Amino acid sequence: MKYGEGRGVVEFEPTDSATEKIEYIYRLLVHDKIIQPYTS
């Protein structure tokens, strides 16, 4: 979460679910090419 907030692209609210936060950060990391997308 610090990564997204540090980039200034997201501000999480206390009402956001953990699942929503994880999904957003995952997509951001893939977009920034920090991690590879998971494929099964």
C-alpha atoms as a PDB file:
ATOM      1  CA  MET A   1       0.000   0.000   0.000  1.00  0.00           C
ATOM      2  CA  LYS A   2       2.877   2.358   0.717  1.00  0.00           C
ATOM      3  CA  TYR A   3       4.069   1.929  -2.879  1.00  0.00           C
ATOM      4  CA  GLY A   4       0.789   3.130  -4.370  1.00  0.00           C
ATOM      5  CA  GLU A   5       0.360   5.926  -1.891  1.00  0.00           C
ATOM      6  CA  GLY A   6       4.002   6.956  -2.327  1.00  0.00           C
ATOM      7  CA  ARG A   7       3.490   7.250  -6.075  1.00  0.00           C
ATOM      8  CA  GLY A   8       0.481   9.451  -5.408  1.00  0.00           C
ATOM      9  CA  VAL A   9      -1.839   7.299  -7.509  1.00  0.00           C
ATOM     10  CA  VAL A  10      -4.069   5.978  -4.750  1.00  0.00           C
ATOM     11  CA  GLU A  11      -5.373   6.916  -1.357  1.00  0.00           C
ATOM     12  CA  PHE A  12      -6.968   3.998   0.427  1.00  0.00           C
ATOM     13  CA  GLU A  13      -9.939   4.542   2.691  1.00  0.00           C
ATOM     14  CA  PRO A  14     -10.570   2.616   5.928  1.00  0.00           C
ATOM     15  CA  THR A  15     -13.708   1.181   4.311  1.00  0.00           C
ATOM     16  CA  ASP A  16     -11.762  -0.388   1.393  1.00  0.00           C
ATOM     17  CA  SER A  17     -11.589  -4.158   1.719  1.00  0.00           C
ATOM     18  CA  ALA A  18      -8.253  -5.965   1.909  1.00  0.00           C
ATOM     19  CA  THR A  19      -9.134  -7.724  -1.352  1.00  0.00           C
ATOM     20  CA  GLU A  20      -9.623  -4.411  -3.157  1.00  0.00           C
ATOM     21  CA  LYS A  21      -6.337  -3.059  -1.826  1.00  0.00           C
ATOM     22  CA  ILE A  22      -4.401  -6.190  -2.820  1.00  0.00           C
ATOM     23  CA  GLU A  23      -5.899  -6.247  -6.304  1.00  0.00           C
ATOM     24  CA  TYR A  24      -5.136  -2.570  -6.911  1.00  0.00           C
ATOM     25  CA  ILE A  25      -1.539  -2.856  -5.715  1.00  0.00           C
ATOM     26  CA  TYR A  26      -1.037  -6.055  -7.744  1.00  0.00           C
ATOM     27  CA  ARG A  27      -2.257  -4.337 -10.917  1.00  0.00           C
ATOM     28  CA  LEU A  28      -0.107  -1.286 -10.216  1.00  0.00           C
ATOM     29  CA  LEU A  29       3.027  -3.414  -9.716  1.00  0.00           C
ATOM     30  CA  VAL A  30       2.346  -5.306 -12.946  1.00  0.00           C
ATOM     31  CA  HIS A  31       1.700  -2.040 -14.794  1.00  0.00           C
ATOM     32  CA  ASP A  32       4.990  -0.593 -13.514  1.00  0.00           C
ATOM     33  CA  LYS A  33       6.751  -3.830 -14.554  1.00  0.00           C
ATOM     34  CA  ILE A  34       7.977  -4.467 -11.033  1.00  0.00           C
ATOM     35  CA  ILE A  35       6.437  -7.948 -11.041  1.00  0.00           C
ATOM     36  CA  GLN A  36       5.347 -10.343 -13.750  1.00  0.00           C
ATOM     37  CA  PRO A  37       1.617 -11.034 -14.095  1.00  0.00           C
ATOM     38  CA  TYR A  38       0.545 -14.369 -12.623  1.00  0.00           C
ATOM     39  CA  THR A  39      -0.637 -16.870 -15.207  1.00  0.00           C
ATOM     40  CA  SER A  40      -1.776 -20.352 -14.330  1.00  0.00           C
END
